[in-house]
Amino acid sequence: QVQVVESGGGLVQAGGSLRLSCVVSVSDFTWIHLAWYRQTPGNERELIAGISNAAYADYAASVKGRFTISRDDAKNTVYLQMNSLKVEDTAVYYCNTDNRRWGSSFPWGQGTQVTVYS
């Protein structure tokens, strides 16, 4: 049973930073293309950052230049460094496979809440 556990969210003032972590209990983590998603009430989850199994990263326009995705395959962990946070970054953040590049997905974790205030 694959488990996904996100952590690192919190309450932060606009302009601040947070680092999210996501640990996935899966045996072939190294081969999997991963991504971070976020969701706000009443909206669908949107993919905001993806990282390939070769560590190639790409970003949604809304976060490019402010967020950095990375992975540590030895720890089955994917990270999201978020800098220059804006109020509109407030959301629940999730990690999963990159649905543009990977044909299956993990069960969704509980996510981690990020709240940015002005």
Protein backbone atom coordinates (compact mmCIF):
# COMPACT_ATOMS: atom_id res chain seq x y z
CA GLN A 1 0.00 0.00 0.00
CA VAL A 2 1.57 3.25 -1.16
CA GLN A 3 1.44 6.05 1.37
CA VAL A 4 2.03 9.73 0.66
CA VAL A 5 2.77 12.09 3.53
CA GLU A 6 3.14 15.82 2.93
CA SER A 7 4.45 18.20 5.58
CA GLY A 8 5.94 21.63 6.07
CA GLY A 9 2.96 23.88 5.52
CA GLY A 10 1.97 26.67 7.84
CA LEU A 11 1.06 30.30 8.27
CA VAL A 12 3.49 32.79 6.75
CA GLN A 13 3.52 36.46 5.94
CA ALA A 14 3.60 37.53 2.32
CA GLY A 15 7.17 37.62 1.07
CA GLY A 16 8.20 34.78 3.34
CA SER A 17 9.33 31.25 2.59
CA LEU A 18 8.34 27.68 3.35
CA ARG A 19 9.79 24.32 2.42
CA LEU A 20 7.39 21.46 1.85
CA SER A 21 8.36 17.81 2.00
CA CYS A 22 6.63 14.72 0.73
CA VAL A 23 7.64 11.18 1.58
CA VAL A 24 6.29 8.37 -0.58
CA SER A 25 6.48 4.74 0.50
CA VAL A 26 6.99 3.12 -2.89
CA SER A 27 9.72 0.77 -4.06
CA ASP A 28 10.48 2.30 -7.48
CA PHE A 29 10.55 5.95 -6.44
CA THR A 30 13.69 6.63 -8.49
CA TRP A 31 11.90 5.95 -11.79
CA ILE A 32 8.80 8.01 -11.14
CA HIS A 33 8.11 11.48 -12.51
CA LEU A 34 6.75 13.52 -9.61
CA ALA A 35 4.88 16.75 -9.11
CA TRP A 36 3.45 19.15 -6.61
CA TYR A 37 -0.16 20.22 -6.91
CA ARG A 38 -2.28 22.71 -5.04
CA GLN A 39 -5.98 23.14 -4.52
CA THR A 40 -8.17 25.94 -3.23
CA PRO A 41 -11.81 25.52 -2.17
CA GLY A 42 -14.15 25.03 -5.10
CA ASN A 43 -11.32 24.51 -7.58
CA GLU A 44 -9.59 21.52 -9.09
CA ARG A 45 -6.09 20.55 -8.14
CA GLU A 46 -3.56 22.25 -10.37
CA LEU A 47 -0.08 21.03 -11.14
CA ILE A 48 2.40 23.73 -10.22
CA ALA A 49 5.79 21.99 -10.42
CA GLY A 50 7.04 18.77 -11.92
CA ILE A 51 10.33 16.91 -11.70
CA SER A 52 11.33 14.03 -13.95
CA ASN A 53 13.23 10.92 -12.91
CA ALA A 54 16.31 12.68 -14.30
CA ALA A 55 15.60 15.71 -12.09
CA TYR A 56 14.45 17.95 -14.92
CA ALA A 57 12.08 20.49 -13.39
CA ASP A 58 9.36 22.64 -14.86
CA TYR A 59 6.85 25.06 -13.36
CA ALA A 60 3.50 26.70 -13.84
CA ALA A 61 3.78 30.34 -14.80
CA SER A 62 2.22 31.37 -11.49
CA VAL A 63 5.16 30.00 -9.46
CA LYS A 64 8.08 30.08 -11.87
CA GLY A 65 11.04 31.93 -10.45
CA ARG A 66 9.71 31.68 -6.88
CA PHE A 67 9.31 27.94 -6.25
CA THR A 68 11.89 25.17 -6.65
CA ILE A 69 11.09 21.48 -6.80
CA SER A 70 13.75 18.90 -5.95
CA ARG A 71 13.98 15.26 -5.03
CA ASP A 72 16.10 12.98 -2.89
CA ASP A 73 15.67 9.46 -4.21
CA ALA A 74 17.65 7.98 -1.33
CA LYS A 75 14.97 9.29 1.02
CA ASN A 76 11.93 8.75 -1.24
CA THR A 77 11.24 12.43 -0.76
CA VAL A 78 10.28 15.32 -2.99
CA TYR A 79 10.57 18.91 -1.83
CA LEU A 80 9.07 22.25 -2.75
CA GLN A 81 10.98 25.35 -1.71
CA MET A 82 8.62 28.30 -1.84
CA ASN A 83 10.02 31.81 -1.72
CA SER A 84 8.45 35.25 -2.13
CA LEU A 85 5.10 33.83 -1.13
CA LYS A 86 1.97 35.67 -2.13
CA VAL A 87 -1.52 35.66 -0.63
CA GLU A 88 -2.73 33.87 -3.75
CA ASP A 89 -0.41 30.95 -2.96
CA THR A 90 -2.75 30.05 -0.09
CA ALA A 91 -3.92 26.49 -0.77
CA VAL A 92 -3.60 22.87 0.26
CA TYR A 93 -0.48 21.42 -1.34
CA TYR A 94 -0.17 17.80 -2.46
CA CYS A 95 2.47 15.69 -4.13
CA ASN A 96 1.83 12.84 -6.54
CA THR A 97 3.05 11.47 -9.83
CA ASP A 98 3.28 13.95 -12.68
CA ASN A 99 0.07 13.23 -14.55
CA ARG A 100 1.53 14.64 -17.78
CA ARG A 101 4.29 12.05 -17.87
CA TRP A 102 3.26 9.12 -15.68
CA GLY A 103 0.35 6.84 -16.39
CA SER A 104 -0.72 6.08 -12.85
CA SER A 105 -1.02 7.99 -9.61
CA PHE A 106 -0.51 7.39 -5.93
CA PRO A 107 -3.41 7.56 -3.50
CA TRP A 108 -3.73 11.21 -2.55
CA GLY A 109 -2.26 12.16 0.79
CA GLN A 110 -3.84 14.53 3.26
CA GLY A 111 -1.95 17.49 1.84
CA THR A 112 -0.38 20.32 3.78
CA GLN A 113 -2.07 23.68 4.26
CA VAL A 114 -0.19 26.83 3.29
CA THR A 115 -1.73 30.11 4.36
CA VAL A 116 -0.12 33.39 3.32
CA TYR A 117 -1.32 36.61 4.93
CA SER A 118 -0.62 40.20 4.03
